[in-house]
């Protein structure tokens, strides 16, 4: 049910951590005590409370999956949805974002499997769209937060369907579509019809990483660059620059929540579930605050060398040389 190279890569990352030289470790819970501690979960607006209180399907001790429980759907408004893929399909349980405009719908990521019998993604999303539009079809635009396969394997579930523009996660094709310069340059807009989103390249976690900002919900969607979990960083300086760019963006745009693509943290500050966990009964909520982004940026600006940094609600972990080599090998399969 999951791609072989993704399974190998994700498990290999976990298995080789202990066997490789470890980066310096910083406990930001100590470093940032003077700045309201480091949980930084203050000042989330009332509009985010329902999402903050959402009790996501968080796996099972004995996992089983059917098309009926393949996705946990959260409806934030009539035109804004978040879908979580079941942990019984993939332990990553990635989030997929669906935003509906007057002319088009935007789907951010497609999930970890190409098996329609397990994840009937097109049918699930199409039903949500038709329910909102009164049965009228819409053009679909499908993009990816980055090119790790747990975020694009579901592309196969949409191919051949009418009215779908699918932007490949390949670097050259993404840059061509969005008009990005090489590196972390440029900013693009996506127009859905009375709903215009900003797209920013944010390499660091991975070369093709992007963030999307939706003024309607004021969501800043960050993929695997920032989320409540263990965040692997492939290119440290790029990551520092991208986080700083995101923070600067929030100083000129109202952001209700920073929303990533996974939940991996427990409710114990600084403690994440091990890679491969299928049951997470005490996990953190999905939303992070702008203050969390600000604290991450502050710590990164004073941490020039790759270092493991522990915060209450996420942990930043630079990849080792071997992990980078594995990541490059997996990336070749998507380029």
C-alpha atoms as a PDB file:
ATOM      1  CA  UNK A   1       0.000   0.000   0.000  1.00  0.00           C
ATOM      2  CA  UNK A   2       3.032   2.281   0.238  1.00  0.00           C
ATOM      3  CA  UNK A   3       5.827   2.911  -2.236  1.00  0.00           C
ATOM      4  CA  UNK A   4       8.903   0.766  -1.627  1.00  0.00           C
ATOM      5  CA  UNK A   5      11.403   3.611  -1.876  1.00  0.00           C
ATOM      6  CA  UNK A   6       9.404   5.793   0.523  1.00  0.00           C
ATOM      7  CA  UNK A   7       9.178   3.010   3.078  1.00  0.00           C
ATOM      8  CA  UNK A   8      12.868   2.279   2.794  1.00  0.00           C
ATOM      9  CA  UNK A   9      13.834   5.944   3.027  1.00  0.00           C
ATOM     10  CA  UNK A  10      11.645   6.745   6.019  1.00  0.00           C
ATOM     11  CA  UNK A  11      12.668   3.655   7.958  1.00  0.00           C
ATOM     12  CA  UNK A  12      16.321   4.084   7.012  1.00  0.00           C
ATOM     13  CA  UNK A  13      16.285   7.619   8.369  1.00  0.00           C
ATOM     14  CA  UNK A  14      15.185   6.309  11.736  1.00  0.00           C
ATOM     15  CA  UNK A  15      17.498   3.325  11.800  1.00  0.00           C
ATOM     16  CA  UNK A  16      20.685   5.202  10.994  1.00  0.00           C
ATOM     17  CA  UNK A  17      20.224   8.140  13.342  1.00  0.00           C
ATOM     18  CA  UNK A  18      21.814   6.360  16.291  1.00  0.00           C
ATOM     19  CA  UNK A  19      24.644   4.988  14.195  1.00  0.00           C
ATOM     20  CA  UNK A  20      25.801   8.296  12.705  1.00  0.00           C
ATOM     21  CA  UNK A  21      27.685  11.166  14.233  1.00  0.00           C
ATOM     22  CA  UNK A  22      25.206  13.407  16.000  1.00  0.00           C
ATOM     23  CA  UNK A  23      25.007  17.176  15.509  1.00  0.00           C
ATOM     24  CA  UNK A  24      25.280  19.529  18.482  1.00  0.00           C
ATOM     25  CA  UNK A  25      22.118  19.601  20.585  1.00  0.00           C
ATOM     26  CA  UNK A  26      20.388  22.734  21.803  1.00  0.00           C
ATOM     27  CA  UNK A  27      17.410  22.811  24.130  1.00  0.00           C
ATOM     28  CA  UNK A  28      15.477  25.886  23.053  1.00  0.00           C
ATOM     29  CA  UNK A  29      13.185  25.361  26.023  1.00  0.00           C
ATOM     30  CA  UNK A  30      16.092  26.670  28.067  1.00  0.00           C
ATOM     31  CA  UNK A  31      17.494  29.133  25.539  1.00  0.00           C
ATOM     32  CA  UNK A  32      14.180  30.889  24.979  1.00  0.00           C
ATOM     33  CA  UNK A  33      12.735  30.884  28.489  1.00  0.00           C
ATOM     34  CA  UNK A  34      12.833  34.666  28.564  1.00  0.00           C
ATOM     35  CA  UNK A  35      10.553  34.819  25.515  1.00  0.00           C
ATOM     36  CA  UNK A  36       7.349  33.415  27.055  1.00  0.00           C
ATOM     37  CA  UNK A  37       8.874  29.969  27.244  1.00  0.00           C
ATOM     38  CA  UNK A  38       9.022  28.278  23.884  1.00  0.00           C
ATOM     39  CA  UNK A  39       5.652  26.640  23.522  1.00  0.00           C
ATOM     40  CA  UNK A  40       4.586  29.898  21.825  1.00  0.00           C
ATOM     41  CA  UNK A  41       1.050  28.656  21.443  1.00  0.00           C
ATOM     42  CA  UNK A  42      -0.379  31.964  22.628  1.00  0.00           C
ATOM     43  CA  UNK A  43      -2.447  34.403  20.635  1.00  0.00           C
ATOM     44  CA  UNK A  44      -4.098  31.921  18.299  1.00  0.00           C
ATOM     45  CA  UNK A  45      -7.283  33.717  17.192  1.00  0.00           C
ATOM     46  CA  UNK A  46     -10.797  32.515  17.937  1.00  0.00           C
ATOM     47  CA  UNK A  47     -11.194  31.387  14.328  1.00  0.00           C
ATOM     48  CA  UNK A  48      -8.602  28.664  14.961  1.00  0.00           C
ATOM     49  CA  UNK A  49     -10.173  27.271  18.136  1.00  0.00           C
ATOM     50  CA  UNK A  50     -12.242  24.596  16.303  1.00  0.00           C
ATOM     51  CA  UNK A  51      -9.104  23.386  14.514  1.00  0.00           C
ATOM     52  CA  UNK A  52      -7.109  23.583  17.735  1.00  0.00           C
ATOM     53  CA  UNK A  53      -9.728  21.396  19.411  1.00  0.00           C
ATOM     54  CA  UNK A  54     -10.088  18.953  16.518  1.00  0.00           C
ATOM     55  CA  UNK A  55      -9.541  15.382  17.715  1.00  0.00           C
ATOM     56  CA  UNK A  56      -7.990  13.799  14.642  1.00  0.00           C
ATOM     57  CA  UNK A  57      -8.150  10.106  13.906  1.00  0.00           C
ATOM     58  CA  UNK A  58      -4.746   9.159  15.305  1.00  0.00           C
ATOM     59  CA  UNK A  59      -4.337   5.516  14.320  1.00  0.00           C
ATOM     60  CA  UNK A  60      -5.041   2.229  15.995  1.00  0.00           C
ATOM     61  CA  UNK A  61      -3.061  -0.329  17.948  1.00  0.00           C
ATOM     62  CA  UNK A  62      -4.292  -2.945  15.471  1.00  0.00           C
ATOM     63  CA  UNK A  63      -4.493  -1.034  12.230  1.00  0.00           C
ATOM     64  CA  UNK A  64      -7.134  -1.654   9.604  1.00  0.00           C
ATOM     65  CA  UNK A  65      -8.311   0.630   6.854  1.00  0.00           C
ATOM     66  CA  UNK A  66     -11.346   0.842   4.589  1.00  0.00           C
ATOM     67  CA  UNK A  67     -12.372   3.500   2.066  1.00  0.00           C
ATOM     68  CA  UNK A  68     -14.759   4.833   4.718  1.00  0.00           C
ATOM     69  CA  UNK A  69     -12.001   5.623   7.216  1.00  0.00           C
ATOM     70  CA  UNK A  70      -9.162   6.314   4.782  1.00  0.00           C
ATOM     71  CA  UNK A  71      -9.381  10.067   5.396  1.00  0.00           C
ATOM     72  CA  UNK A  72     -10.409  12.163   8.384  1.00  0.00           C
ATOM     73  CA  UNK A  73     -12.052  15.335   7.026  1.00  0.00           C
ATOM     74  CA  UNK A  74     -12.129  18.648   8.883  1.00  0.00           C
ATOM     75  CA  UNK A  75     -14.345  21.391   7.445  1.00  0.00           C
ATOM     76  CA  UNK A  76     -13.132  24.804   8.574  1.00  0.00           C
ATOM     77  CA  UNK A  77     -15.613  26.721   6.431  1.00  0.00           C
ATOM     78  CA  UNK A  78     -17.805  26.089   3.420  1.00  0.00           C
ATOM     79  CA  UNK A  79     -14.754  26.481   1.176  1.00  0.00           C
ATOM     80  CA  UNK A  80     -11.827  25.307   3.302  1.00  0.00           C
ATOM     81  CA  UNK A  81     -11.034  21.709   4.262  1.00  0.00           C
ATOM     82  CA  UNK A  82      -8.170  19.756   5.788  1.00  0.00           C
ATOM     83  CA  UNK A  83      -7.928  16.008   5.170  1.00  0.00           C
ATOM     84  CA  UNK A  84      -5.729  13.655   7.162  1.00  0.00           C
ATOM     85  CA  UNK A  85      -4.779  10.347   5.565  1.00  0.00           C
ATOM     86  CA  UNK A  86      -5.212   7.400   7.924  1.00  0.00           C
ATOM     87  CA  UNK A  87      -2.160   6.205   9.820  1.00  0.00           C
ATOM     88  CA  UNK A  88      -3.273   2.706   8.848  1.00  0.00           C
ATOM     89  CA  UNK A  89      -2.413   3.644   5.262  1.00  0.00           C
ATOM     90  CA  UNK A  90       0.857   5.321   6.160  1.00  0.00           C
ATOM     91  CA  UNK A  91       2.432   6.083   9.521  1.00  0.00           C
ATOM     92  CA  UNK A  92       3.211   9.588   8.214  1.00  0.00           C
ATOM     93  CA  UNK A  93      -0.558  10.336   8.117  1.00  0.00           C
ATOM     94  CA  UNK A  94       0.028  13.414   5.938  1.00  0.00           C
ATOM     95  CA  UNK A  95      -2.449  16.275   5.747  1.00  0.00           C
ATOM     96  CA  UNK A  96      -3.996  17.393   2.462  1.00  0.00           C
ATOM     97  CA  UNK A  97      -5.484  20.865   2.029  1.00  0.00           C
ATOM     98  CA  UNK A  98      -8.535  21.648  -0.111  1.00  0.00           C
ATOM     99  CA  UNK A  99      -9.428  25.281  -0.828  1.00  0.00           C
ATOM    100  CA  UNK A 100     -12.387  26.141  -3.051  1.00  0.00           C
ATOM    101  CA  UNK A 101     -12.759  29.324  -5.102  1.00  0.00           C
ATOM    102  CA  UNK A 102     -15.465  30.569  -7.436  1.00  0.00           C
ATOM    103  CA  UNK A 103     -13.682  29.184 -10.512  1.00  0.00           C
ATOM    104  CA  UNK A 104     -11.148  26.628  -9.313  1.00  0.00           C
ATOM    105  CA  UNK A 105     -10.283  24.407  -6.384  1.00  0.00           C
ATOM    106  CA  UNK A 106      -6.780  23.981  -5.018  1.00  0.00           C
ATOM    107  CA  UNK A 107      -5.537  20.670  -3.654  1.00  0.00           C
ATOM    108  CA  UNK A 108      -2.240  20.814  -1.765  1.00  0.00           C
ATOM    109  CA  UNK A 109      -0.598  17.347  -1.766  1.00  0.00           C
ATOM    110  CA  UNK A 110      -2.179  14.041  -2.716  1.00  0.00           C
ATOM    111  CA  UNK A 111      -1.029  11.605  -0.064  1.00  0.00           C
ATOM    112  CA  UNK A 112       1.159   8.529   0.285  1.00  0.00           C
ATOM    113  CA  UNK A 113      -0.476   5.834  -1.849  1.00  0.00           C
ATOM    114  CA  UNK A 114      -1.557   5.230  -5.437  1.00  0.00           C
ATOM    115  CA  UNK A 115      -3.984   2.473  -4.437  1.00  0.00           C
ATOM    116  CA  UNK A 116      -7.515   3.708  -5.166  1.00  0.00           C
ATOM    117  CA  UNK A 117      -9.001   0.727  -3.350  1.00  0.00           C
ATOM    118  CA  UNK A 118      -7.375   1.995  -0.154  1.00  0.00           C
ATOM    119  CA  UNK A 119      -7.558   5.756  -0.722  1.00  0.00           C
ATOM    120  CA  UNK A 120     -10.329   6.833  -3.152  1.00  0.00           C
ATOM    121  CA  UNK A 121      -8.946  10.380  -3.175  1.00  0.00           C
ATOM    122  CA  UNK A 122     -10.713  11.656  -6.279  1.00  0.00           C
ATOM    123  CA  UNK A 123     -14.116  10.503  -5.097  1.00  0.00           C
ATOM    124  CA  UNK A 124     -13.622  11.942  -1.600  1.00  0.00           C
ATOM    125  CA  UNK A 125     -12.498  15.361  -2.830  1.00  0.00           C
ATOM    126  CA  UNK A 126     -15.016  15.510  -5.655  1.00  0.00           C
ATOM    127  CA  UNK A 127     -17.892  14.861  -3.255  1.00  0.00           C
ATOM    128  CA  UNK A 128     -16.716  17.712  -1.034  1.00  0.00           C
ATOM    129  CA  UNK A 129     -16.426  20.060  -4.003  1.00  0.00           C
ATOM    130  CA  UNK A 130     -19.813  19.165  -5.486  1.00  0.00           C
ATOM    131  CA  UNK A 131     -21.497  19.539  -2.094  1.00  0.00           C
ATOM    132  CA  UNK A 132     -20.122  23.054  -1.771  1.00  0.00           C
ATOM    133  CA  UNK A 133     -20.843  24.127  -5.366  1.00  0.00           C
ATOM    134  CA  UNK A 134     -24.345  22.710  -5.558  1.00  0.00           C
ATOM    135  CA  UNK A 135     -23.293  20.038  -8.019  1.00  0.00           C
ATOM    136  CA  UNK A 136     -21.345  22.331 -10.347  1.00  0.00           C
ATOM    137  CA  UNK A 137     -17.919  21.112 -11.421  1.00  0.00           C
ATOM    138  CA  UNK A 138     -14.795  23.177 -10.919  1.00  0.00           C
ATOM    139  CA  UNK A 139     -11.355  23.176 -12.456  1.00  0.00           C
ATOM    140  CA  UNK A 140      -8.829  21.584 -10.100  1.00  0.00           C
ATOM    141  CA  UNK A 141      -5.270  22.762  -9.528  1.00  0.00           C
ATOM    142  CA  UNK A 142      -3.087  20.236  -7.708  1.00  0.00           C
ATOM    143  CA  UNK A 143       0.262  21.307  -6.229  1.00  0.00           C
ATOM    144  CA  UNK A 144       2.700  19.788  -3.754  1.00  0.00           C
ATOM    145  CA  UNK A 145       4.302  21.183  -0.612  1.00  0.00           C
ATOM    146  CA  UNK A 146       7.503  19.360  -1.661  1.00  0.00           C
ATOM    147  CA  UNK A 147       8.625  16.285  -3.570  1.00  0.00           C
ATOM    148  CA  UNK A 148       8.733  13.594  -0.897  1.00  0.00           C
ATOM    149  CA  UNK A 149       6.583  10.749  -2.105  1.00  0.00           C
ATOM    150  CA  UNK A 150       4.221  10.669   0.878  1.00  0.00           C
ATOM    151  CA  UNK A 151       2.959  13.963  -0.576  1.00  0.00           C
ATOM    152  CA  UNK A 152       2.685  13.048  -4.272  1.00  0.00           C
ATOM    153  CA  UNK A 153       2.058   9.296  -4.594  1.00  0.00           C
ATOM    154  CA  UNK A 154      -1.669  10.017  -4.791  1.00  0.00           C
ATOM    155  CA  UNK A 155      -1.178  11.887  -8.070  1.00  0.00           C
ATOM    156  CA  UNK A 156      -1.886   8.599  -9.827  1.00  0.00           C
ATOM    157  CA  UNK A 157      -5.364   8.614  -8.274  1.00  0.00           C
ATOM    158  CA  UNK A 158      -6.195  11.851 -10.127  1.00  0.00           C
ATOM    159  CA  UNK A 159      -4.606  11.227 -13.498  1.00  0.00           C
ATOM    160  CA  UNK A 160      -7.087  10.796 -16.309  1.00  0.00           C
ATOM    161  CA  UNK A 161      -9.832  12.661 -14.456  1.00  0.00           C
ATOM    162  CA  UNK A 162     -11.343  15.671 -16.266  1.00  0.00           C
ATOM    163  CA  UNK A 163     -10.622  19.320 -15.445  1.00  0.00           C
ATOM    164  CA  UNK A 164      -7.473  18.652 -13.393  1.00  0.00           C
ATOM    165  CA  UNK A 165      -4.192  20.535 -13.777  1.00  0.00           C
ATOM    166  CA  UNK A 166      -1.537  18.641 -11.865  1.00  0.00           C
ATOM    167  CA  UNK A 167       1.728  20.492 -11.255  1.00  0.00           C
ATOM    168  CA  UNK A 168       4.533  17.946 -11.063  1.00  0.00           C
ATOM    169  CA  UNK A 169       6.749  18.065  -7.963  1.00  0.00           C
ATOM    170  CA  UNK A 170       9.813  17.984 -10.228  1.00  0.00           C
ATOM    171  CA  UNK A 171      11.988  21.045  -9.645  1.00  0.00           C
ATOM    172  CA  UNK A 172      12.193  22.298 -13.228  1.00  0.00           C
ATOM    173  CA  UNK A 173       8.469  21.883 -13.846  1.00  0.00           C
ATOM    174  CA  UNK A 174       7.526  23.541 -10.534  1.00  0.00           C
ATOM    175  CA  UNK A 175       9.846  26.471 -11.199  1.00  0.00           C
ATOM    176  CA  UNK A 176       8.485  26.830 -14.717  1.00  0.00           C
ATOM    177  CA  UNK A 177       4.853  26.744 -13.570  1.00  0.00           C
ATOM    178  CA  UNK A 178       5.281  29.213 -10.723  1.00  0.00           C
ATOM    179  CA  UNK A 179       7.909  31.357 -12.445  1.00  0.00           C
ATOM    180  CA  UNK A 180      10.441  30.934  -9.647  1.00  0.00           C
ATOM    181  CA  UNK A 181      14.091  31.754 -10.223  1.00  0.00           C
ATOM    182  CA  UNK A 182      16.631  29.149  -9.241  1.00  0.00           C
ATOM    183  CA  UNK A 183      17.054  29.037  -5.497  1.00  0.00           C
ATOM    184  CA  UNK A 184      14.685  30.597  -2.996  1.00  0.00           C
ATOM    185  CA  UNK A 185      13.664  33.503  -5.178  1.00  0.00           C
ATOM    186  CA  UNK A 186      10.360  34.803  -6.387  1.00  0.00           C
ATOM    187  CA  UNK A 187       6.769  34.671  -5.257  1.00  0.00           C
ATOM    188  CA  UNK A 188       3.809  33.407  -7.243  1.00  0.00           C
ATOM    189  CA  UNK A 189       0.060  33.819  -7.011  1.00  0.00           C
ATOM    190  CA  UNK A 190      -2.684  31.241  -7.497  1.00  0.00           C
ATOM    191  CA  UNK A 191      -6.058  32.655  -8.501  1.00  0.00           C
ATOM    192  CA  UNK A 192      -9.074  30.477  -7.698  1.00  0.00           C
ATOM    193  CA  UNK A 193     -11.784  33.064  -8.374  1.00  0.00           C
ATOM    194  CA  UNK A 194     -12.296  35.653  -5.618  1.00  0.00           C
ATOM    195  CA  UNK A 195      -9.587  33.796  -3.734  1.00  0.00           C
ATOM    196  CA  UNK A 196      -5.927  34.503  -4.454  1.00  0.00           C
ATOM    197  CA  UNK A 197      -3.104  32.659  -2.693  1.00  0.00           C
ATOM    198  CA  UNK A 198       0.587  33.481  -2.428  1.00  0.00           C
ATOM    199  CA  UNK A 199       3.227  30.808  -3.077  1.00  0.00           C
ATOM    200  CA  UNK A 200       6.775  31.106  -1.724  1.00  0.00           C
ATOM    201  CA  UNK A 201       9.732  28.789  -2.366  1.00  0.00           C
ATOM    202  CA  UNK A 202      11.196  27.697   0.983  1.00  0.00           C
ATOM    203  CA  UNK A 203      14.010  25.162   0.380  1.00  0.00           C
ATOM    204  CA  UNK A 204      15.783  23.630   3.329  1.00  0.00           C
ATOM    205  CA  UNK A 205      13.787  20.627   4.438  1.00  0.00           C
ATOM    206  CA  UNK A 206      13.865  19.640   0.803  1.00  0.00           C
ATOM    207  CA  UNK A 207      14.772  21.419  -2.438  1.00  0.00           C
ATOM    208  CA  UNK A 208      11.239  21.759  -3.827  1.00  0.00           C
ATOM    209  CA  UNK A 209       9.559  22.920  -0.604  1.00  0.00           C
ATOM    210  CA  UNK A 210       6.994  25.706  -0.928  1.00  0.00           C
ATOM    211  CA  UNK A 211       4.670  27.554   1.431  1.00  0.00           C
ATOM    212  CA  UNK A 212       1.194  28.800   0.554  1.00  0.00           C
ATOM    213  CA  UNK A 213      -0.673  31.683   2.157  1.00  0.00           C
ATOM    214  CA  UNK A 214      -4.461  31.935   1.951  1.00  0.00           C
ATOM    215  CA  UNK A 215      -5.795  35.391   2.898  1.00  0.00           C
ATOM    216  CA  UNK A 216      -9.334  34.034   3.318  1.00  0.00           C
ATOM    217  CA  UNK A 217      -8.453  31.726   6.213  1.00  0.00           C
ATOM    218  CA  UNK A 218      -5.151  33.491   6.937  1.00  0.00           C
ATOM    219  CA  UNK A 219      -3.500  30.085   6.945  1.00  0.00           C
ATOM    220  CA  UNK A 220       0.222  29.786   6.236  1.00  0.00           C
ATOM    221  CA  UNK A 221       0.649  26.243   4.903  1.00  0.00           C
ATOM    222  CA  UNK A 222       4.243  25.096   5.371  1.00  0.00           C
ATOM    223  CA  UNK A 223       4.374  21.399   4.446  1.00  0.00           C
ATOM    224  CA  UNK A 224       7.264  19.695   6.234  1.00  0.00           C
ATOM    225  CA  UNK A 225       9.144  22.945   6.893  1.00  0.00           C
ATOM    226  CA  UNK A 226       7.327  23.605  10.166  1.00  0.00           C
ATOM    227  CA  UNK A 227       4.830  21.323  11.883  1.00  0.00           C
ATOM    228  CA  UNK A 228       4.396  19.731  15.327  1.00  0.00           C
ATOM    229  CA  UNK A 229       6.918  16.959  14.874  1.00  0.00           C
ATOM    230  CA  UNK A 230      10.476  15.934  14.079  1.00  0.00           C
ATOM    231  CA  UNK A 231      11.571  18.205  11.225  1.00  0.00           C
ATOM    232  CA  UNK A 232      14.502  16.910   9.206  1.00  0.00           C
ATOM    233  CA  UNK A 233      16.618  19.640   7.584  1.00  0.00           C
ATOM    234  CA  UNK A 234      18.615  18.727   4.511  1.00  0.00           C
ATOM    235  CA  UNK A 235      20.227  22.098   3.745  1.00  0.00           C
ATOM    236  CA  UNK A 236      20.825  24.056   6.939  1.00  0.00           C
ATOM    237  CA  UNK A 237      21.571  27.513   5.529  1.00  0.00           C
ATOM    238  CA  UNK A 238      18.653  27.288   3.098  1.00  0.00           C
ATOM    239  CA  UNK A 239      16.401  26.306   5.984  1.00  0.00           C
ATOM    240  CA  UNK A 240      17.560  29.257   8.084  1.00  0.00           C
ATOM    241  CA  UNK A 241      16.937  31.616   5.167  1.00  0.00           C
ATOM    242  CA  UNK A 242      13.512  30.122   4.406  1.00  0.00           C
ATOM    243  CA  UNK A 243      12.292  30.287   8.006  1.00  0.00           C
ATOM    244  CA  UNK A 244      13.460  33.897   8.190  1.00  0.00           C
ATOM    245  CA  UNK A 245      11.617  34.660   4.967  1.00  0.00           C
ATOM    246  CA  UNK A 246       8.448  33.088   6.347  1.00  0.00           C
ATOM    247  CA  UNK A 247       8.736  35.104   9.542  1.00  0.00           C
ATOM    248  CA  UNK A 248       9.232  38.316   7.575  1.00  0.00           C
ATOM    249  CA  UNK A 249       6.160  37.425   5.506  1.00  0.00           C
ATOM    250  CA  UNK A 250       4.065  37.187   8.668  1.00  0.00           C
ATOM    251  CA  UNK A 251       5.075  40.739   9.582  1.00  0.00           C
ATOM    252  CA  UNK A 252       3.207  42.094   6.564  1.00  0.00           C
ATOM    253  CA  UNK A 253       0.380  39.535   6.288  1.00  0.00           C
ATOM    254  CA  UNK A 254      -2.102  38.499   8.998  1.00  0.00           C
ATOM    255  CA  UNK A 255      -1.572  34.816   9.820  1.00  0.00           C
ATOM    256  CA  UNK A 256      -4.115  32.969  11.951  1.00  0.00           C
ATOM    257  CA  UNK A 257      -2.121  29.721  12.082  1.00  0.00           C
ATOM    258  CA  UNK A 258       0.951  28.008  10.705  1.00  0.00           C
ATOM    259  CA  UNK A 259      -0.173  24.629   9.371  1.00  0.00           C
ATOM    260  CA  UNK A 260       2.152  21.805   8.386  1.00  0.00           C
ATOM    261  CA  UNK A 261       1.731  18.383   6.854  1.00  0.00           C
ATOM    262  CA  UNK A 262       2.027  16.037   9.862  1.00  0.00           C
ATOM    263  CA  UNK A 263       1.522  15.678  13.600  1.00  0.00           C
ATOM    264  CA  UNK A 264       4.268  13.736  15.368  1.00  0.00           C
ATOM    265  CA  UNK A 265       4.611  15.433  18.772  1.00  0.00           C
ATOM    266  CA  UNK A 266       3.191  14.096  21.994  1.00  0.00           C
ATOM    267  CA  UNK A 267       1.578  16.326  24.604  1.00  0.00           C
ATOM    268  CA  UNK A 268       4.800  16.027  26.622  1.00  0.00           C
ATOM    269  CA  UNK A 269       6.870  19.104  25.686  1.00  0.00           C
ATOM    270  CA  UNK A 270       9.770  18.254  23.405  1.00  0.00           C
ATOM    271  CA  UNK A 271       8.833  14.578  22.993  1.00  0.00           C
ATOM    272  CA  UNK A 272       7.902  13.136  19.588  1.00  0.00           C
ATOM    273  CA  UNK A 273       6.559   9.744  18.572  1.00  0.00           C
ATOM    274  CA  UNK A 274       9.203   7.425  17.051  1.00  0.00           C
ATOM    275  CA  UNK A 275       9.272   7.048  13.279  1.00  0.00           C
ATOM    276  CA  UNK A 276       6.840   4.325  12.248  1.00  0.00           C
ATOM    277  CA  UNK A 277       4.330   4.881  15.067  1.00  0.00           C
ATOM    278  CA  UNK A 278       0.815   3.826  14.041  1.00  0.00           C
ATOM    279  CA  UNK A 279      -1.047   4.902  17.172  1.00  0.00           C
ATOM    280  CA  UNK A 280      -0.759   8.405  18.636  1.00  0.00           C
ATOM    281  CA  UNK A 281      -3.417   8.799  21.347  1.00  0.00           C
ATOM    282  CA  UNK A 282      -1.785  11.829  22.980  1.00  0.00           C
ATOM    283  CA  UNK A 283      -0.703  13.963  20.077  1.00  0.00           C
ATOM    284  CA  UNK A 284      -0.568  17.751  19.849  1.00  0.00           C
ATOM    285  CA  UNK A 285      -3.035  19.802  17.803  1.00  0.00           C
ATOM    286  CA  UNK A 286      -2.068  20.697  14.237  1.00  0.00           C
ATOM    287  CA  UNK A 287      -1.937  24.536  14.412  1.00  0.00           C
ATOM    288  CA  UNK A 288       1.211  26.385  15.381  1.00  0.00           C
ATOM    289  CA  UNK A 289       1.256  30.107  16.081  1.00  0.00           C
ATOM    290  CA  UNK A 290       3.221  32.886  14.447  1.00  0.00           C
ATOM    291  CA  UNK A 291       5.028  33.164  17.771  1.00  0.00           C
ATOM    292  CA  UNK A 292       6.321  29.606  17.303  1.00  0.00           C
ATOM    293  CA  UNK A 293       7.681  30.598  13.896  1.00  0.00           C
ATOM    294  CA  UNK A 294       9.247  33.721  15.414  1.00  0.00           C
ATOM    295  CA  UNK A 295      10.990  31.695  18.120  1.00  0.00           C
ATOM    296  CA  UNK A 296      12.276  29.210  15.569  1.00  0.00           C
ATOM    297  CA  UNK A 297      13.607  32.052  13.432  1.00  0.00           C
ATOM    298  CA  UNK A 298      15.286  33.700  16.418  1.00  0.00           C
ATOM    299  CA  UNK A 299      17.012  30.482  17.434  1.00  0.00           C
ATOM    300  CA  UNK A 300      18.103  29.660  13.893  1.00  0.00           C
ATOM    301  CA  UNK A 301      19.585  33.107  13.357  1.00  0.00           C
ATOM    302  CA  UNK A 302      21.915  32.458  16.276  1.00  0.00           C
ATOM    303  CA  UNK A 303      22.672  28.862  15.221  1.00  0.00           C
ATOM    304  CA  UNK A 304      24.878  28.988  12.142  1.00  0.00           C
ATOM    305  CA  UNK A 305      26.001  25.367  12.298  1.00  0.00           C
ATOM    306  CA  UNK A 306      23.637  22.408  11.865  1.00  0.00           C
ATOM    307  CA  UNK A 307      22.288  21.551  15.302  1.00  0.00           C
ATOM    308  CA  UNK A 308      19.475  19.522  16.790  1.00  0.00           C
ATOM    309  CA  UNK A 309      17.132  22.037  18.438  1.00  0.00           C
ATOM    310  CA  UNK A 310      14.338  20.982  20.783  1.00  0.00           C
ATOM    311  CA  UNK A 311      11.263  23.149  21.240  1.00  0.00           C
ATOM    312  CA  UNK A 312       8.109  22.259  23.148  1.00  0.00           C
ATOM    313  CA  UNK A 313       6.073  21.681  20.000  1.00  0.00           C
ATOM    314  CA  UNK A 314       8.638  20.603  17.400  1.00  0.00           C
ATOM    315  CA  UNK A 315      12.210  19.390  17.071  1.00  0.00           C
ATOM    316  CA  UNK A 316      14.586  20.473  14.305  1.00  0.00           C
ATOM    317  CA  UNK A 317      17.062  17.782  13.250  1.00  0.00           C
ATOM    318  CA  UNK A 318      19.784  18.301  10.601  1.00  0.00           C
ATOM    319  CA  UNK A 319      20.337  15.306   8.374  1.00  0.00           C
ATOM    320  CA  UNK A 320      23.627  13.460   8.578  1.00  0.00           C
ATOM    321  CA  UNK A 321      25.764  12.988   5.469  1.00  0.00           C
ATOM    322  CA  UNK A 322      24.396   9.469   5.035  1.00  0.00           C
ATOM    323  CA  UNK A 323      20.820  10.659   5.380  1.00  0.00           C
ATOM    324  CA  UNK A 324      21.446  13.351   2.765  1.00  0.00           C
ATOM    325  CA  UNK A 325      22.831  10.702   0.440  1.00  0.00           C
ATOM    326  CA  UNK A 326      19.708   8.586   0.945  1.00  0.00           C
ATOM    327  CA  UNK A 327      17.514  11.644   0.387  1.00  0.00           C
ATOM    328  CA  UNK A 328      19.319  12.448  -2.858  1.00  0.00           C
ATOM    329  CA  UNK A 329      18.831   8.879  -4.058  1.00  0.00           C
ATOM    330  CA  UNK A 330      15.102   9.030  -3.292  1.00  0.00           C
ATOM    331  CA  UNK A 331      14.835  12.460  -4.919  1.00  0.00           C
ATOM    332  CA  UNK A 332      16.262  11.121  -8.164  1.00  0.00           C
ATOM    333  CA  UNK A 333      13.198   8.902  -8.436  1.00  0.00           C
ATOM    334  CA  UNK A 334      10.916  11.959  -8.380  1.00  0.00           C
ATOM    335  CA  UNK A 335      12.885  14.213 -10.727  1.00  0.00           C
END
